[in-house]
Structure formats: C-alpha cells, structure tokens
C-alpha cells in the first residue's frame, strides 16, 4: 500500500519498533532476502534514483506500507539513513546445531567464530566480507559482544540478511560442538605459529577472530588446533604497525581460505 501526503500525520516515530534498517543498499537487500517482516517503509520526499525506485517497486509488490516524509523526519531516526528507513522485525538468529547442519551441505564447510568483537562497524564489515567470500555462517556470543543492530546492518550494506548467524551463550562450548562435528579449529593472532598463506585450510574449518583490544581469550586459544597469522611486509626495518583491524584481517583471511579451496 502506498500513502500520499495526507498520511504523513499518521506516522508517529514513537510507534516504530526498536529494529530499524537504514540506508539504500541495506533496505534493498532486506527486501530481496525476504527473511524479515517489514512493518513499514519510510522514504524521504526528496529521495530519488534507481535504487529508491527499485525499493519502492519491491515494497509495493510485497504490500508494504510506504510513507513519504520530509527528510528531517527521517534524520530523527538516523543521520545516516540516505533518505530511507524500514521498520522491521528483529533478525532471526539460527541455532548452533542448525548452523552446523546447514554448513555441512557445503563440500568444505567454513564457519567464522567471533570472540567478543564489540565494535558494530567491525561486525558489519566482517559480515559483509563473509557473505562476499562465501562463508557458510557466523557465530557470535550473547554477552560482552555487539549483536546485530542498526549500525551493523548499515555497515554490512544489507549482508546481514544473506548469511546465517548463530548467537551463543558460551563460545568455548560452541567450539567443543564444532570439534565433535569434525571441524578443525583455527585461531588468528599476530603471533600465530603458522603463516596464513602457507597453511592448508581445505577441510571443514572454523576460523576464530578475537576482540579488537586483547584478541583471543586464553582458553579459546588452547582449544585451537593451531594459530595462524597474516605475514607482514614492509620496506622499513622497524614495523610501524603491529597488527590489522579485525575487520581488515577478516577480509584477508576469508579470501585466502576461499582462494585455497578454488585451486
């Protein structure tokens, strides 16, 4: 259903749900994925372009209520909305057992496990990297870590709706279950004993990436079959940077794993 200007008075921002997706690509991917219920679509009256047109067309096909509002009204929801926002149902996390079962449909299952990543920008970028390079699923902890929110969805450019994400109570028990199901557990650290590019990773694999500050927890490290690191190349005799941001590192790691499996 598409509303005209008269409907603007009916739209109350106070009645929006706590789950909002903002941005042109995130909203477009949300509609394409079709996994979540879209309660309403809010579009700036000044928003134009092919992506906006495609979003509105999809929304009409799905019978979603659309409001055209002044840009300042959308900015009250988010300053980074790009003139569009969707009021949606929360993301549905998949159970760990179901994620493992689903991943085993791949020739070489590949899961990424995040050990206490707290920055939503990092999580969003990691999710996008994982979707781009074909990771089967992601595991995140419920506590002491960021969960999927508006920022994560925006940074991932909608990729959150194209990958299975499991939210678990205990990372180490999750690792035990992965081991029982034939996964090799590989931790990532700047001091890993094996170099990423020289390591065989063509088997059922769970890659663990750590917190932005302290990396992997000690107990998590002990549960790993081995630790890998990204080799550093520099023209200087003294390294000016000791490590990469976790989201940057994730792109390199999941690419390398995917590349090895294609050879």
Protein backbone atom coordinates (compact mmCIF):
# COMPACT_ATOMS: atom_id res chain seq x y z
CA UNK A 1 0.00 0.00 0.00
CA UNK A 2 1.37 3.43 -0.92
CA UNK A 3 0.38 6.53 1.08
CA UNK A 4 0.25 10.11 -0.13
CA UNK A 5 0.95 13.35 1.71
CA UNK A 6 -2.22 13.11 3.80
CA UNK A 7 -0.79 10.06 5.57
CA UNK A 8 2.17 11.97 6.99
CA UNK A 9 0.22 12.97 10.08
CA UNK A 10 -0.47 9.30 10.80
CA UNK A 11 3.20 8.40 11.04
CA UNK A 12 4.48 8.57 14.61
CA UNK A 13 8.16 7.88 15.16
CA UNK A 14 7.31 6.86 18.72
CA UNK A 15 5.39 3.89 17.37
CA UNK A 16 8.31 2.49 15.39
CA UNK A 17 9.80 -0.78 16.59
CA UNK A 18 13.28 -0.96 18.10
CA UNK A 19 14.56 -2.66 14.94
CA UNK A 20 15.17 -0.17 12.15
CA UNK A 21 17.19 -0.72 8.98
CA UNK A 22 18.53 2.45 7.34
CA UNK A 23 20.33 3.11 4.08
CA UNK A 24 19.57 2.34 0.44
CA UNK A 25 21.55 -0.88 -0.02
CA UNK A 26 20.64 -2.33 3.41
CA UNK A 27 16.92 -1.77 2.78
CA UNK A 28 17.15 -3.11 -0.77
CA UNK A 29 18.94 -6.28 0.37
CA UNK A 30 16.46 -6.65 3.22
CA UNK A 31 13.56 -6.69 0.74
CA UNK A 32 15.37 -9.03 -1.66
CA UNK A 33 16.21 -11.53 1.08
CA UNK A 34 12.61 -11.62 2.28
CA UNK A 35 13.54 -13.17 5.63
CA UNK A 36 12.11 -10.49 7.90
CA UNK A 37 8.73 -8.81 8.17
CA UNK A 38 8.81 -5.18 7.03
CA UNK A 39 6.19 -3.28 9.01
CA UNK A 40 6.56 -0.02 7.12
CA UNK A 41 8.90 1.78 4.77
CA UNK A 42 9.74 5.45 5.35
CA UNK A 43 11.13 7.36 2.38
CA UNK A 44 12.21 10.99 2.14
CA UNK A 45 10.20 13.06 -0.31
CA UNK A 46 13.47 14.21 -1.85
CA UNK A 47 14.97 10.71 -2.21
CA UNK A 48 15.37 9.74 -5.87
CA UNK A 49 17.42 7.42 -8.04
CA UNK A 50 17.32 3.89 -9.40
CA UNK A 51 17.85 2.21 -6.02
CA UNK A 52 15.00 4.14 -4.42
CA UNK A 53 12.76 3.27 -7.37
CA UNK A 54 13.66 -0.43 -7.07
CA UNK A 55 12.99 -0.38 -3.32
CA UNK A 56 9.58 1.24 -3.76
CA UNK A 57 8.69 -1.20 -6.55
CA UNK A 58 9.60 -4.21 -4.37
CA UNK A 59 7.74 -2.76 -1.40
CA UNK A 60 4.59 -2.29 -3.49
CA UNK A 61 4.82 -5.87 -4.75
CA UNK A 62 5.04 -7.11 -1.16
CA UNK A 63 2.16 -4.91 0.02
CA UNK A 64 4.30 -2.92 2.43
CA UNK A 65 3.01 0.41 3.74
CA UNK A 66 5.15 3.25 2.39
CA UNK A 67 5.34 6.76 3.87
CA UNK A 68 6.87 9.73 2.02
CA UNK A 69 8.06 12.20 4.64
CA UNK A 70 10.31 15.28 4.92
CA UNK A 71 13.98 14.41 5.14
CA UNK A 72 14.26 15.96 8.60
CA UNK A 73 11.80 13.39 9.91
CA UNK A 74 13.98 10.50 8.76
CA UNK A 75 17.04 12.20 10.22
CA UNK A 76 15.39 11.88 13.62
CA UNK A 77 15.72 8.13 13.14
CA UNK A 78 19.29 8.23 11.83
CA UNK A 79 21.67 10.82 10.41
CA UNK A 80 22.98 8.17 8.01
CA UNK A 81 19.66 7.00 6.56
CA UNK A 82 20.35 8.11 2.97
CA UNK A 83 16.73 9.19 2.92
CA UNK A 84 15.20 5.79 3.64
CA UNK A 85 14.40 3.59 6.63
CA UNK A 86 12.49 0.37 7.20
CA UNK A 87 10.71 -0.67 10.38
CA UNK A 88 11.30 -4.44 10.52
CA UNK A 89 11.09 -7.50 12.71
CA UNK A 90 14.31 -8.41 14.56
CA UNK A 91 16.88 -10.56 12.80
CA UNK A 92 16.34 -14.27 13.41
CA UNK A 93 19.46 -15.94 14.74
CA UNK A 94 19.90 -19.58 13.81
CA UNK A 95 20.58 -22.26 16.43
CA UNK A 96 24.14 -23.62 16.54
CA UNK A 97 23.03 -27.18 15.76
CA UNK A 98 21.10 -25.92 12.75
CA UNK A 99 24.03 -23.80 11.58
CA UNK A 100 26.40 -26.78 11.72
CA UNK A 101 23.89 -28.99 9.91
CA UNK A 102 23.35 -26.35 7.24
CA UNK A 103 27.09 -25.74 6.76
CA UNK A 104 27.71 -29.47 6.20
CA UNK A 105 25.81 -29.19 2.93
CA UNK A 106 28.94 -27.47 1.57
CA UNK A 107 31.81 -29.56 0.20
CA UNK A 108 34.16 -27.90 2.70
CA UNK A 109 32.15 -26.24 5.50
CA UNK A 110 33.53 -22.87 6.57
CA UNK A 111 32.34 -21.05 9.69
CA UNK A 112 33.68 -17.83 11.24
CA UNK A 113 33.50 -17.50 15.02
CA UNK A 114 33.94 -14.08 16.65
CA UNK A 115 35.39 -13.96 20.16
CA UNK A 116 33.98 -10.79 21.77
CA UNK A 117 34.02 -8.32 18.86
CA UNK A 118 32.47 -5.16 20.34
CA UNK A 119 32.53 -2.53 17.59
CA UNK A 120 29.37 -2.61 15.42
CA UNK A 121 31.35 -1.21 12.49
CA UNK A 122 33.75 -4.13 12.71
CA UNK A 123 30.94 -6.67 12.96
CA UNK A 124 29.14 -5.15 9.98
CA UNK A 125 32.30 -5.19 7.86
CA UNK A 126 33.12 -8.77 8.88
CA UNK A 127 29.62 -9.94 7.98
CA UNK A 128 29.92 -8.31 4.55
CA UNK A 129 33.32 -9.92 3.99
CA UNK A 130 31.95 -13.33 4.96
CA UNK A 131 28.99 -13.04 2.59
CA UNK A 132 31.18 -11.82 -0.27
CA UNK A 133 33.62 -14.73 0.07
CA UNK A 134 31.03 -17.43 0.67
CA UNK A 135 31.38 -18.27 4.37
CA UNK A 136 28.63 -20.68 5.48
CA UNK A 137 27.83 -18.96 8.77
CA UNK A 138 28.97 -16.78 11.66
CA UNK A 139 28.91 -17.44 15.41
CA UNK A 140 28.80 -14.54 17.89
CA UNK A 141 28.47 -14.54 21.71
CA UNK A 142 25.43 -13.17 23.52
CA UNK A 143 27.46 -11.41 26.21
CA UNK A 144 30.37 -8.95 26.12
CA UNK A 145 30.00 -8.51 22.37
CA UNK A 146 27.98 -6.44 19.93
CA UNK A 147 24.92 -8.00 18.35
CA UNK A 148 23.25 -7.18 15.05
CA UNK A 149 21.78 -3.66 15.28
CA UNK A 150 21.04 -0.71 13.00
CA UNK A 151 24.72 0.21 12.63
CA UNK A 152 25.79 -3.36 11.89
CA UNK A 153 23.10 -3.66 9.22
CA UNK A 154 24.09 -0.33 7.66
CA UNK A 155 27.83 -1.10 7.57
CA UNK A 156 27.21 -4.57 6.14
CA UNK A 157 25.13 -2.92 3.37
CA UNK A 158 22.37 -5.46 3.96
CA UNK A 159 24.63 -8.53 4.05
CA UNK A 160 23.21 -9.50 7.47
CA UNK A 161 20.13 -10.79 5.67
CA UNK A 162 22.16 -13.09 3.42
CA UNK A 163 24.04 -15.25 5.93
CA UNK A 164 23.18 -17.49 8.88
CA UNK A 165 24.25 -16.02 12.23
CA UNK A 166 24.18 -18.03 15.45
CA UNK A 167 24.20 -16.20 18.80
CA UNK A 168 25.53 -18.46 21.57
CA UNK A 169 25.81 -18.33 25.36
CA UNK A 170 29.23 -19.94 25.58
CA UNK A 171 31.91 -19.67 22.90
CA UNK A 172 34.06 -22.50 24.26
CA UNK A 173 31.18 -24.98 24.46
CA UNK A 174 30.36 -23.99 20.89
CA UNK A 175 33.93 -24.81 19.89
CA UNK A 176 33.58 -28.24 21.55
CA UNK A 177 30.47 -28.91 19.48
CA UNK A 178 32.26 -27.87 16.29
CA UNK A 179 35.12 -30.25 17.13
CA UNK A 180 32.63 -33.10 17.72
CA UNK A 181 31.25 -32.42 14.25
CA UNK A 182 34.62 -32.71 12.53
CA UNK A 183 35.65 -29.06 12.29
CA UNK A 184 39.28 -28.04 12.60
CA UNK A 185 39.56 -25.02 14.90
CA UNK A 186 41.98 -22.33 13.76
CA UNK A 187 42.69 -19.21 15.79
CA UNK A 188 44.01 -15.95 14.35
CA UNK A 189 46.66 -13.91 16.12
CA UNK A 190 49.58 -11.68 15.18
CA UNK A 191 51.90 -14.24 16.84
CA UNK A 192 50.47 -17.38 15.21
CA UNK A 193 52.98 -20.18 14.64
CA UNK A 194 51.80 -20.74 11.06
CA UNK A 195 51.53 -18.23 8.22
CA UNK A 196 48.12 -17.93 6.59
CA UNK A 197 49.37 -18.19 3.03
CA UNK A 198 51.40 -21.37 3.72
CA UNK A 199 48.75 -23.29 5.65
CA UNK A 200 46.43 -25.95 4.22
CA UNK A 201 42.88 -24.87 5.01
CA UNK A 202 40.94 -27.13 2.64
CA UNK A 203 38.85 -29.02 5.22
CA UNK A 204 35.82 -28.38 7.46
CA UNK A 205 37.02 -25.23 9.15
CA UNK A 206 36.10 -22.84 11.95
CA UNK A 207 38.21 -19.68 11.96
CA UNK A 208 38.18 -17.72 15.24
CA UNK A 209 38.84 -13.98 15.31
CA UNK A 210 39.34 -12.11 18.55
CA UNK A 211 38.43 -8.91 20.33
CA UNK A 212 39.70 -5.57 18.99
CA UNK A 213 41.85 -4.97 22.07
CA UNK A 214 43.13 -8.23 23.55
CA UNK A 215 42.50 -10.68 20.71
CA UNK A 216 41.54 -14.25 21.61
CA UNK A 217 40.83 -15.33 25.18
CA UNK A 218 43.46 -17.72 26.58
CA UNK A 219 41.01 -20.62 26.95
CA UNK A 220 39.87 -20.10 23.38
CA UNK A 221 43.48 -20.24 22.18
CA UNK A 222 44.00 -23.54 23.99
CA UNK A 223 41.06 -25.08 22.18
CA UNK A 224 42.50 -24.22 18.76
CA UNK A 225 44.23 -26.93 16.72
CA UNK A 226 46.73 -24.26 15.69
CA UNK A 227 47.11 -20.49 15.37
CA UNK A 228 47.73 -18.61 12.14
CA UNK A 229 48.96 -15.10 11.43
CA UNK A 230 48.95 -12.77 8.44
CA UNK A 231 52.52 -12.14 7.25
CA UNK A 232 53.59 -8.52 7.41
CA UNK A 233 55.51 -6.89 4.57
CA UNK A 234 57.29 -3.57 4.98
CA UNK A 235 60.15 -1.65 3.40
CA UNK A 236 61.14 -0.27 6.77
CA UNK A 237 63.49 -2.00 9.18
CA UNK A 238 61.11 -1.14 12.00
CA UNK A 239 57.44 -2.09 11.66
CA UNK A 240 55.24 0.93 12.25
CA UNK A 241 52.04 -1.14 12.55
CA UNK A 242 51.98 -4.33 14.59
CA UNK A 243 48.56 -5.66 13.56
CA UNK A 244 45.46 -5.11 11.43
CA UNK A 245 41.98 -4.12 12.47
CA UNK A 246 39.88 -7.28 12.93
CA UNK A 247 37.56 -6.43 10.05
CA UNK A 248 40.50 -5.83 7.69
CA UNK A 249 42.13 -9.05 8.85
CA UNK A 250 38.88 -10.94 8.28
CA UNK A 251 38.79 -9.90 4.62
CA UNK A 252 42.32 -11.20 4.04
CA UNK A 253 41.72 -14.44 5.93
CA UNK A 254 38.39 -15.43 4.39
CA UNK A 255 39.70 -14.52 0.93
CA UNK A 256 42.78 -16.69 1.42
CA UNK A 257 40.70 -19.62 2.64
CA UNK A 258 38.34 -19.30 -0.33
CA UNK A 259 41.24 -18.98 -2.78
CA UNK A 260 42.91 -22.15 -1.47
CA UNK A 261 39.67 -24.06 -1.92
CA UNK A 262 39.30 -22.93 -5.53
CA UNK A 263 42.79 -24.03 -6.60
